[in-house]
C-alpha atoms as a PDB file:
ATOM      1  CA  MET A   1       0.000   0.000   0.000  1.00  0.00           C
ATOM      2  CA  LEU A   2       1.328   3.457  -0.856  1.00  0.00           C
ATOM      3  CA  ARG A   3       1.789   5.758   2.117  1.00  0.00           C
ATOM      4  CA  HIS A   4       2.545   9.469   2.149  1.00  0.00           C
ATOM      5  CA  PRO A   5       5.756   9.967   4.156  1.00  0.00           C
ATOM      6  CA  ALA A   6       4.402  13.032   5.972  1.00  0.00           C
ATOM      7  CA  CYS A   7       1.060  11.496   6.859  1.00  0.00           C
ATOM      8  CA  PRO A   8       1.046   7.738   7.676  1.00  0.00           C
ATOM      9  CA  GLY A   9      -1.799   5.916   5.956  1.00  0.00           C
ATOM     10  CA  ALA A  10      -2.624   8.669   3.467  1.00  0.00           C
ATOM     11  CA  SER A  11      -2.696   8.165  -0.260  1.00  0.00           C
ATOM     12  CA  PRO A  12      -0.517  10.488  -2.363  1.00  0.00           C
ATOM     13  CA  ALA A  13      -3.557  11.107  -4.542  1.00  0.00           C
ATOM     14  CA  ILE A  14      -5.471  12.491  -1.567  1.00  0.00           C
ATOM     15  CA  ALA A  15      -2.874  14.236   0.582  1.00  0.00           C
ATOM     16  CA  MET A  16      -2.375  17.387  -1.496  1.00  0.00           C
ATOM     17  CA  PRO A  17       0.492  19.799  -0.771  1.00  0.00           C
ATOM     18  CA  ILE A  18      -0.405  23.264   0.495  1.00  0.00           C
ATOM     19  CA  PRO A  19       1.271  25.984  -1.613  1.00  0.00           C
ATOM     20  CA  PRO A  20       3.716  28.225   0.262  1.00  0.00           C
ATOM     21  CA  SER A  21       2.302  31.505   1.513  1.00  0.00           C
ATOM     22  CA  ARG A  22       3.328  34.729  -0.138  1.00  0.00           C
ATOM     23  CA  GLU A  23       4.114  37.338   2.488  1.00  0.00           C
ATOM     24  CA  ARG A  24       2.952  40.805   1.451  1.00  0.00           C
ATOM     25  CA  HIS A  25       5.468  43.540   2.294  1.00  0.00           C
ATOM     26  CA  SER A  26       3.996  46.744   3.664  1.00  0.00           C
ATOM     27  CA  SER A  27       5.316  50.187   2.805  1.00  0.00           C
ATOM     28  CA  PRO A  28       6.420  52.572   5.569  1.00  0.00           C
ATOM     29  CA  GLY A  29       3.459  54.074   7.358  1.00  0.00           C
ATOM     30  CA  SER A  30       0.915  51.590   6.015  1.00  0.00           C
ATOM     31  CA  PRO A  31      -1.072  49.316   8.358  1.00  0.00           C
ATOM     32  CA  SER A  32       0.780  46.142   9.242  1.00  0.00           C
ATOM     33  CA  ARG A  33      -0.989  42.926   7.973  1.00  0.00           C
ATOM     34  CA  PRO A  34       1.546  40.097   7.906  1.00  0.00           C
ATOM     35  CA  GLY A  35       0.518  38.948  11.375  1.00  0.00           C
ATOM     36  CA  ARG A  36      -3.129  38.416  10.434  1.00  0.00           C
ATOM     37  CA  LEU A  37      -2.205  36.886   7.077  1.00  0.00           C
ATOM     38  CA  GLY A  38       0.308  34.562   8.711  1.00  0.00           C
ATOM     39  CA  ARG A  39      -2.287  33.404  11.246  1.00  0.00           C
ATOM     40  CA  GLY A  40      -4.753  32.762   8.412  1.00  0.00           C
ATOM     41  CA  VAL A  41      -2.259  30.676   6.450  1.00  0.00           C
ATOM     42  CA  ALA A  42      -1.303  28.761   9.588  1.00  0.00           C
ATOM     43  CA  GLY A  43      -4.971  28.045  10.211  1.00  0.00           C
ATOM     44  CA  LEU A  44      -5.418  26.772   6.673  1.00  0.00           C
ATOM     45  CA  ARG A  45      -2.428  24.504   7.044  1.00  0.00           C
ATOM     46  CA  LEU A  46      -3.698  23.095  10.323  1.00  0.00           C
ATOM     47  CA  GLY A  47      -7.103  22.506   8.793  1.00  0.00           C
ATOM     48  CA  ALA A  48      -5.568  20.790   5.766  1.00  0.00           C
ATOM     49  CA  ALA A  49      -3.418  18.611   8.026  1.00  0.00           C
ATOM     50  CA  ALA A  50      -6.459  17.577  10.057  1.00  0.00           C
ATOM     51  CA  LEU A  51      -8.378  16.779   6.847  1.00  0.00           C
ATOM     52  CA  GLY A  52      -5.442  14.742   5.555  1.00  0.00           C
ATOM     53  CA  GLN A  53      -5.282  12.728   8.770  1.00  0.00           C
ATOM     54  CA  SER A  54      -9.013  12.079   8.651  1.00  0.00           C
ATOM     55  CA  LEU A  55      -8.790  10.916   5.031  1.00  0.00           C
ATOM     56  CA  ALA A  56      -5.820   8.737   5.935  1.00  0.00           C
ATOM     57  CA  ARG A  57      -7.835   6.967   8.650  1.00  0.00           C
ATOM     58  CA  LEU A  58     -10.757   6.633   6.257  1.00  0.00           C
ATOM     59  CA  TRP A  59      -8.578   5.309   3.433  1.00  0.00           C
ATOM     60  CA  ASP A  60      -6.828   2.719   5.582  1.00  0.00           C
ATOM     61  CA  GLY A  61      -8.266  -0.809   5.816  1.00  0.00           C
ATOM     62  CA  PRO A  62     -11.570  -1.775   4.192  1.00  0.00           C
ATOM     63  CA  GLY A  63     -12.343   1.736   3.004  1.00  0.00           C
ATOM     64  CA  ARG A  64      -9.335   1.510   0.700  1.00  0.00           C
ATOM     65  CA  ILE A  65     -10.847  -1.567  -0.992  1.00  0.00           C
ATOM     66  CA  THR A  66     -14.371  -0.202  -1.381  1.00  0.00           C
ATOM     67  CA  GLY A  67     -13.073   3.201  -2.442  1.00  0.00           C
ATOM     68  CA  ALA A  68     -10.972   1.606  -5.139  1.00  0.00           C
ATOM     69  CA  LEU A  69     -13.971  -0.388  -6.367  1.00  0.00           C
ATOM     70  CA  ALA A  70     -16.202   2.669  -6.512  1.00  0.00           C
ATOM     71  CA  GLY A  71     -13.551   4.880  -8.061  1.00  0.00           C
ATOM     72  CA  GLY A  72     -12.639   2.282 -10.666  1.00  0.00           C
ATOM     73  CA  ALA A  73     -16.259   1.772 -11.665  1.00  0.00           C
ATOM     74  CA  LEU A  74     -16.895   5.498 -12.007  1.00  0.00           C
ATOM     75  CA  LEU A  75     -13.647   6.000 -13.886  1.00  0.00           C
ATOM     76  CA  ALA A  76     -14.795   3.439 -16.428  1.00  0.00           C
ATOM     77  CA  LEU A  77     -18.399   4.618 -16.646  1.00  0.00           C
ATOM     78  CA  ALA A  78     -18.312   8.379 -16.048  1.00  0.00           C
ATOM     79  CA  GLY A  79     -14.725   9.496 -16.587  1.00  0.00           C
ATOM     80  CA  PRO A  80     -11.981  10.854 -14.311  1.00  0.00           C
ATOM     81  CA  ALA A  81     -14.007  13.832 -13.075  1.00  0.00           C
ATOM     82  CA  TRP A  82     -16.165  11.480 -10.978  1.00  0.00           C
ATOM     83  CA  ALA A  83     -13.488   9.010  -9.931  1.00  0.00           C
ATOM     84  CA  LEU A  84     -12.267  10.881  -6.805  1.00  0.00           C
ATOM     85  CA  ALA A  85     -15.818  11.329  -5.529  1.00  0.00           C
ATOM     86  CA  GLY A  86     -16.368   7.622  -6.014  1.00  0.00           C
ATOM     87  CA  VAL A  87     -13.173   6.783  -4.155  1.00  0.00           C
ATOM     88  CA  LEU A  88     -14.095   8.954  -1.162  1.00  0.00           C
ATOM     89  CA  GLY A  89     -17.753   7.907  -1.115  1.00  0.00           C
ATOM     90  CA  GLY A  90     -16.838   4.263  -1.406  1.00  0.00           C
ATOM     91  CA  ALA A  91     -14.233   4.638   1.299  1.00  0.00           C
ATOM     92  CA  CYS A  92     -16.854   6.113   3.654  1.00  0.00           C
ATOM     93  CA  ALA A  93     -19.189   3.193   3.002  1.00  0.00           C
ATOM     94  CA  GLY A  94     -16.378   0.674   3.339  1.00  0.00           C
ATOM     95  CA  ARG A  95     -15.179   2.133   6.618  1.00  0.00           C
ATOM     96  CA  ILE A  96     -18.660   1.585   8.044  1.00  0.00           C
ATOM     97  CA  ALA A  97     -19.820  -1.679   6.502  1.00  0.00           C
ATOM     98  CA  LEU A  98     -17.250  -3.684   4.550  1.00  0.00           C
ATOM     99  CA  ARG A  99     -15.677  -6.758   6.067  1.00  0.00           C
ATOM    100  CA  HIS A 100     -12.646  -8.382   4.527  1.00  0.00           C
ATOM    101  CA  ARG A 101     -10.114 -11.056   5.446  1.00  0.00           C
ATOM    102  CA  ARG A 102      -7.732 -13.666   4.119  1.00  0.00           C
ATOM    103  CA  MET A 103      -8.666 -17.302   3.710  1.00  0.00           C
ATOM    104  CA  THR A 104      -8.462 -19.492   6.798  1.00  0.00           C
ATOM    105  CA  ALA A 105      -6.187 -22.544   6.923  1.00  0.00           C
ATOM    106  CA  ARG A 106      -9.185 -24.789   6.209  1.00  0.00           C
ATOM    107  CA  GLU A 107     -10.270 -22.695   3.227  1.00  0.00           C
ATOM    108  CA  SER A 108      -6.719 -22.588   1.861  1.00  0.00           C
ATOM    109  CA  ALA A 109      -6.430 -26.368   2.186  1.00  0.00           C
ATOM    110  CA  LEU A 110      -9.651 -26.857   0.211  1.00  0.00           C
ATOM    111  CA  ALA A 111      -8.424 -24.467  -2.484  1.00  0.00           C
ATOM    112  CA  ALA A 112      -5.084 -26.284  -2.728  1.00  0.00           C
ATOM    113  CA  SER A 113      -6.837 -29.647  -3.126  1.00  0.00           C
ATOM    114  CA  VAL A 114      -8.423 -28.318  -6.333  1.00  0.00           C
ATOM    115  CA  PHE A 115      -5.961 -25.756  -7.725  1.00  0.00           C
ATOM    116  CA  GLY A 116      -2.697 -27.175  -6.442  1.00  0.00           C
ATOM    117  CA  ASN A 117      -0.100 -24.434  -6.330  1.00  0.00           C
ATOM    118  CA  SER A 118      -1.591 -22.370  -9.157  1.00  0.00           C
ATOM    119  CA  LEU A 119      -3.509 -19.748  -7.149  1.00  0.00           C
ATOM    120  CA  PRO A 120      -1.794 -16.503  -6.124  1.00  0.00           C
ATOM    121  CA  ALA A 121      -0.120 -16.300  -2.731  1.00  0.00           C
ATOM    122  CA  PRO A 122      -2.627 -16.268   0.167  1.00  0.00           C
ATOM    123  CA  HIS A 123      -2.040 -12.596   1.017  1.00  0.00           C
ATOM    124  CA  ARG A 124      -3.206 -11.603  -2.471  1.00  0.00           C
ATOM    125  CA  ILE A 125      -6.627 -13.267  -2.186  1.00  0.00           C
ATOM    126  CA  VAL A 126      -8.992 -11.149  -0.083  1.00  0.00           C
ATOM    127  CA  LEU A 127     -12.486 -12.347   0.818  1.00  0.00           C
ATOM    128  CA  THR A 128     -15.138  -9.651   1.343  1.00  0.00           C
ATOM    129  CA  ASP A 129     -18.841  -9.572   2.209  1.00  0.00           C
ATOM    130  CA  LEU A 130     -19.746  -7.459  -0.813  1.00  0.00           C
ATOM    131  CA  CYS A 131     -22.213  -8.829  -3.350  1.00  0.00           C
ATOM    132  CA  GLY A 132     -23.323  -7.773  -6.801  1.00  0.00           C
ATOM    133  CA  LEU A 133     -26.718  -7.170  -8.383  1.00  0.00           C
ATOM    134  CA  GLY A 134     -29.308  -9.594  -7.115  1.00  0.00           C
ATOM    135  CA  GLY A 135     -27.001 -10.803  -4.364  1.00  0.00           C
ATOM    136  CA  THR A 136     -24.587 -12.462  -6.796  1.00  0.00           C
ATOM    137  CA  CYS A 137     -20.993 -13.239  -5.888  1.00  0.00           C
ATOM    138  CA  PHE A 138     -18.267 -11.702  -8.041  1.00  0.00           C
ATOM    139  CA  VAL A 139     -14.492 -11.422  -8.282  1.00  0.00           C
ATOM    140  CA  CYS A 140     -12.494  -8.339  -9.274  1.00  0.00           C
ATOM    141  CA  PRO A 141      -8.944  -6.967  -9.082  1.00  0.00           C
ATOM    142  CA  GLY A 142      -7.938  -4.895  -6.065  1.00  0.00           C
ATOM    143  CA  LEU A 143      -4.985  -2.664  -5.229  1.00  0.00           C
ATOM    144  CA  GLY A 144      -1.403  -3.844  -5.085  1.00  0.00           C
ATOM    145  CA  GLY A 145      -2.063  -7.060  -6.972  1.00  0.00           C
ATOM    146  CA  GLN A 146      -4.832  -8.216  -4.647  1.00  0.00           C
ATOM    147  CA  ILE A 147      -7.801 -10.170  -5.954  1.00  0.00           C
ATOM    148  CA  LEU A 148     -11.116  -9.504  -4.207  1.00  0.00           C
ATOM    149  CA  VAL A 149     -13.432 -12.504  -3.882  1.00  0.00           C
ATOM    150  CA  ASN A 150     -16.787 -10.948  -2.977  1.00  0.00           C
ATOM    151  CA  LEU A 151     -19.072 -13.562  -1.441  1.00  0.00           C
ATOM    152  CA  GLY A 152     -21.844 -11.645   0.304  1.00  0.00           C
ATOM    153  CA  ARG A 153     -22.508 -11.948   4.036  1.00  0.00           C
ATOM    154  CA  ARG A 154     -23.277 -15.658   4.195  1.00  0.00           C
ATOM    155  CA  GLY A 155     -20.417 -16.604   1.918  1.00  0.00           C
ATOM    156  CA  PHE A 156     -17.995 -14.403   3.818  1.00  0.00           C
ATOM    157  CA  ASP A 157     -18.931 -15.963   7.157  1.00  0.00           C
ATOM    158  CA  ASP A 158     -18.644 -19.541   5.850  1.00  0.00           C
ATOM    159  CA  PRO A 159     -17.393 -19.874   2.247  1.00  0.00           C
ATOM    160  CA  ILE A 160     -17.294 -23.661   2.417  1.00  0.00           C
ATOM    161  CA  GLY A 161     -20.678 -24.137   4.046  1.00  0.00           C
ATOM    162  CA  CYS A 162     -22.501 -21.556   1.909  1.00  0.00           C
ATOM    163  CA  CYS A 163     -24.762 -23.368  -0.582  1.00  0.00           C
ATOM    164  CA  THR A 164     -27.368 -22.297  -3.136  1.00  0.00           C
ATOM    165  CA  PRO A 165     -29.819 -24.279  -5.298  1.00  0.00           C
ATOM    166  CA  THR A 166     -27.262 -24.252  -8.138  1.00  0.00           C
ATOM    167  CA  TYR A 167     -24.267 -24.903  -5.875  1.00  0.00           C
ATOM    168  CA  ALA A 168     -25.857 -27.317  -3.446  1.00  0.00           C
ATOM    169  CA  ALA A 169     -22.679 -29.032  -2.219  1.00  0.00           C
ATOM    170  CA  PRO A 170     -20.460 -27.469   0.466  1.00  0.00           C
ATOM    171  CA  GLY A 171     -17.523 -25.673  -1.092  1.00  0.00           C
ATOM    172  CA  LYS A 172     -18.810 -25.755  -4.666  1.00  0.00           C
ATOM    173  CA  LEU A 173     -19.714 -22.059  -4.862  1.00  0.00           C
ATOM    174  CA  PHE A 174     -16.406 -21.140  -3.218  1.00  0.00           C
ATOM    175  CA  ILE A 175     -14.440 -23.200  -5.755  1.00  0.00           C
ATOM    176  CA  HIS A 176     -16.377 -21.597  -8.608  1.00  0.00           C
ATOM    177  CA  GLU A 177     -15.455 -18.086  -7.408  1.00  0.00           C
ATOM    178  CA  LEU A 178     -11.836 -19.059  -6.761  1.00  0.00           C
ATOM    179  CA  THR A 179     -11.653 -20.170 -10.386  1.00  0.00           C
ATOM    180  CA  HIS A 180     -12.414 -16.567 -11.341  1.00  0.00           C
ATOM    181  CA  ALA A 181      -9.514 -15.525  -9.073  1.00  0.00           C
ATOM    182  CA  TRP A 182      -7.343 -18.035 -10.949  1.00  0.00           C
ATOM    183  CA  GLN A 183      -8.514 -16.498 -14.248  1.00  0.00           C
ATOM    184  CA  LEU A 184      -7.496 -13.022 -13.092  1.00  0.00           C
ATOM    185  CA  ALA A 185      -4.061 -14.243 -12.026  1.00  0.00           C
ATOM    186  CA  HIS A 186      -3.361 -16.064 -15.292  1.00  0.00           C
ATOM    187  CA  GLY A 187      -4.709 -13.595 -17.850  1.00  0.00           C
ATOM    188  CA  HIS A 188      -7.862 -15.557 -18.697  1.00  0.00           C
ATOM    189  CA  TYR A 189     -10.258 -13.010 -17.222  1.00  0.00           C
ATOM    190  CA  PHE A 190     -10.326  -9.774 -19.196  1.00  0.00           C
ATOM    191  CA  PRO A 191     -10.178 -11.301 -22.713  1.00  0.00           C
ATOM    192  CA  ARG A 192     -13.420 -13.133 -21.824  1.00  0.00           C
ATOM    193  CA  LEU A 193     -15.093 -10.448 -19.736  1.00  0.00           C
ATOM    194  CA  LEU A 194     -17.226  -8.630 -22.328  1.00  0.00           C
ATOM    195  CA  PRO A 195     -19.471 -11.600 -23.238  1.00  0.00           C
ATOM    196  CA  ARG A 196     -20.070 -12.203 -19.536  1.00  0.00           C
ATOM    197  CA  LEU A 197     -21.056  -8.577 -18.935  1.00  0.00           C
ATOM    198  CA  LEU A 198     -23.427  -8.664 -21.894  1.00  0.00           C
ATOM    199  CA  ALA A 199     -25.102 -11.778 -20.471  1.00  0.00           C
ATOM    200  CA  GLY A 200     -25.997  -9.861 -17.290  1.00  0.00           C
ATOM    201  CA  PRO A 201     -26.286 -10.985 -13.661  1.00  0.00           C
ATOM    202  CA  ARG A 202     -29.173 -13.357 -14.377  1.00  0.00           C
ATOM    203  CA  ALA A 203     -27.476 -15.353 -17.140  1.00  0.00           C
ATOM    204  CA  GLY A 204     -29.015 -18.755 -17.827  1.00  0.00           C
ATOM    205  CA  ASP A 205     -27.498 -22.221 -17.943  1.00  0.00           C
ATOM    206  CA  ALA A 206     -26.295 -21.754 -21.525  1.00  0.00           C
ATOM    207  CA  VAL A 207     -23.657 -19.266 -20.353  1.00  0.00           C
ATOM    208  CA  TYR A 208     -22.354 -21.702 -17.726  1.00  0.00           C
ATOM    209  CA  ARG A 209     -22.691 -25.134 -19.334  1.00  0.00           C
ATOM    210  CA  PRO A 210     -19.394 -26.464 -20.770  1.00  0.00           C
ATOM    211  CA  PRO A 211     -19.195 -27.989 -24.260  1.00  0.00           C
ATOM    212  CA  ALA A 212     -20.611 -31.493 -24.588  1.00  0.00           C
ATOM    213  CA  VAL A 213     -17.176 -32.793 -25.643  1.00  0.00           C
ATOM    214  CA  LEU A 214     -14.119 -31.538 -23.783  1.00  0.00           C
ATOM    215  CA  VAL A 215     -10.907 -32.994 -25.163  1.00  0.00           C
ATOM    216  CA  PRO A 216      -7.570 -31.572 -26.343  1.00  0.00           C
ATOM    217  CA  PRO A 217      -6.962 -29.335 -28.167  1.00  0.00           C
ATOM    218  CA  TRP A 218      -8.940 -27.422 -25.587  1.00  0.00           C
ATOM    219  CA  PRO A 219     -11.712 -25.207 -26.970  1.00  0.00           C
ATOM    220  CA  ARG A 220     -11.893 -21.518 -26.106  1.00  0.00           C
ATOM    221  CA  LEU A 221     -14.231 -21.331 -23.119  1.00  0.00           C
ATOM    222  CA  THR A 222     -16.170 -18.479 -21.547  1.00  0.00           C
ATOM    223  CA  LEU A 223     -15.428 -17.280 -18.018  1.00  0.00           C
ATOM    224  CA  GLU A 224     -18.357 -19.216 -16.605  1.00  0.00           C
ATOM    225  CA  GLN A 225     -17.764 -22.371 -18.625  1.00  0.00           C
ATOM    226  CA  GLN A 226     -14.217 -22.570 -17.334  1.00  0.00           C
ATOM    227  CA  ALA A 227     -15.324 -22.014 -13.735  1.00  0.00           C
ATOM    228  CA  THR A 228     -18.134 -24.566 -14.148  1.00  0.00           C
ATOM    229  CA  ILE A 229     -15.690 -27.214 -15.371  1.00  0.00           C
ATOM    230  CA  VAL A 230     -13.719 -26.822 -12.157  1.00  0.00           C
ATOM    231  CA  ASP A 231     -16.705 -26.761  -9.788  1.00  0.00           C
ATOM    232  CA  GLU A 232     -18.368 -29.706 -11.601  1.00  0.00           C
ATOM    233  CA  TRP A 233     -15.195 -31.762 -11.273  1.00  0.00           C
ATOM    234  CA  PHE A 234     -15.089 -30.799  -7.601  1.00  0.00           C
ATOM    235  CA  HIS A 235     -18.697 -31.933  -7.084  1.00  0.00           C
ATOM    236  CA  PRO A 236     -20.723 -33.214 -10.086  1.00  0.00           C
ATOM    237  CA  GLY A 237     -24.074 -31.525 -10.627  1.00  0.00           C
ATOM    238  CA  ARG A 238     -26.623 -30.687 -13.281  1.00  0.00           C
ATOM    239  CA  LEU A 239     -24.321 -28.570 -15.476  1.00  0.00           C
ATOM    240  CA  GLY A 240     -21.743 -31.302 -16.022  1.00  0.00           C
ATOM    241  CA  PRO A 241     -21.897 -34.720 -17.709  1.00  0.00           C
ATOM    242  CA  ALA A 242     -25.293 -36.272 -16.940  1.00  0.00           C
ATOM    243  CA  ALA A 243     -23.777 -39.681 -16.166  1.00  0.00           C
ATOM    244  CA  TRP A 244     -21.834 -38.174 -13.261  1.00  0.00           C
ATOM    245  CA  LEU A 245     -24.758 -36.447 -11.557  1.00  0.00           C
ATOM    246  CA  GLY A 246     -24.739 -37.433  -7.871  1.00  0.00           C
ATOM    247  CA  LEU A 247     -21.426 -39.331  -8.025  1.00  0.00           C
ATOM    248  CA  PRO A 248     -18.420 -38.457  -5.835  1.00  0.00           C
ATOM    249  CA  GLY A 249     -16.318 -35.532  -6.969  1.00  0.00           C
ATOM    250  CA  MET A 250     -12.607 -34.973  -7.611  1.00  0.00           C
ATOM    251  CA  SER A 251     -12.308 -38.232  -9.498  1.00  0.00           C
ATOM    252  CA  GLU A 252      -9.545 -38.833 -12.031  1.00  0.00           C
ATOM    253  CA  ALA A 253     -12.102 -40.770 -14.074  1.00  0.00           C
ATOM    254  CA  HIS A 254     -14.276 -37.671 -14.521  1.00  0.00           C
ATOM    255  CA  PRO A 255     -14.287 -36.262 -18.092  1.00  0.00           C
ATOM    256  CA  TYR A 256     -13.180 -32.860 -16.759  1.00  0.00           C
ATOM    257  CA  TRP A 257     -10.163 -34.183 -14.859  1.00  0.00           C
ATOM    258  CA  LEU A 258      -7.681 -33.790 -17.728  1.00  0.00           C
ATOM    259  CA  TYR A 259      -8.661 -30.134 -18.129  1.00  0.00           C
ATOM    260  CA  VAL A 260      -8.302 -29.475 -14.405  1.00  0.00           C
ATOM    261  CA  ARG A 261      -4.925 -31.229 -14.332  1.00  0.00           C
ATOM    262  CA  ASP A 262      -3.413 -29.908 -17.571  1.00  0.00           C
ATOM    263  CA  VAL A 263      -4.830 -26.364 -17.625  1.00  0.00           C
ATOM    264  CA  ILE A 264      -5.781 -25.327 -14.085  1.00  0.00           C
ATOM    265  CA  GLN A 265      -3.294 -27.135 -11.853  1.00  0.00           C
ATOM    266  CA  ALA A 266      -0.413 -27.015 -14.333  1.00  0.00           C
ATOM    267  CA  ALA A 267      -0.513 -23.233 -14.728  1.00  0.00           C
ATOM    268  CA  SER A 268       2.598 -21.492 -13.490  1.00  0.00           C
ATOM    269  CA  LEU A 269       2.349 -18.143 -11.736  1.00  0.00           C
ATOM    270  CA  ARG A 270       5.308 -15.777 -11.716  1.00  0.00           C
ATOM    271  CA  GLY A 271       5.961 -13.884  -8.527  1.00  0.00           C
ATOM    272  CA  ARG A 272       3.573 -16.025  -6.495  1.00  0.00           C
ATOM    273  CA  SER A 273       5.306 -15.225  -3.214  1.00  0.00           C
ATOM    274  CA  GLY A 274       6.110 -11.630  -3.974  1.00  0.00           C
ATOM    275  CA  GLY A 275       4.667  -8.452  -5.304  1.00  0.00           C
ATOM    276  CA  GLY A 276       3.704  -9.497  -8.803  1.00  0.00           C
ATOM    277  CA  THR A 277       0.645  -7.687 -10.047  1.00  0.00           C
ATOM    278  CA  VAL A 278      -2.440  -8.981 -11.785  1.00  0.00           C
ATOM    279  CA  GLN A 279      -4.233  -7.257 -14.609  1.00  0.00           C
ATOM    280  CA  CYS A 280      -6.197  -4.263 -13.434  1.00  0.00           C
ATOM    281  CA  LEU A 281      -9.327  -2.562 -14.809  1.00  0.00           C
END
């Protein structure tokens, strides 16, 4: 995280320098004003310092994440003139409401059982209780190479135990969203993003269902098809091969196993333990 050296916790984009005062020289016999002017400038500087410290406290922690989300969205949709307002407004909301954390040891172990060593380092994956339109989960890039996995309140409290009618098995929804984190880390996300946005938050099964035949050379898949392949291998359901519905998951006999092994688990990630950055909006 970037920190302003004169104001711990502040962002350089927010902590603005105060221009030096220009002392007005009085001519002999004229009323003396430097004292009043100096006190006014000193007051302005104190006020600016107090504002900077307040913004620094606001920007630190979860407000930094929500502010970045809001600012990034407004930058894309409304242009730079609205971005700062979005950052500050989002930071205010985040300071009050947003919860965020890293994965627990149990959650990390589940992720490793599916993805192997191909996910980013644990400190780069941040779980939050945000949700999208209609209560949907979503994944997006954060600051400093972080990837935000936004699971809503129930998913944040218990990512493994959180189930839905579509993701009825424990951990299946979590694995699906972690696949989107994998896509961000490996450059699969943004080239496939536009079709997903056009489908909207209430996209039907056709957007998610993988091709009927999945063999090398691997076909070009959508974001949701790729994530469905991984979650269906993890726990077979209605969007995978019909013959596997209700059978145990994570089987090397499953038709999706070769894709999980050769594409997902085999992916290498540069700078996994360090400060490598992912693609940003």
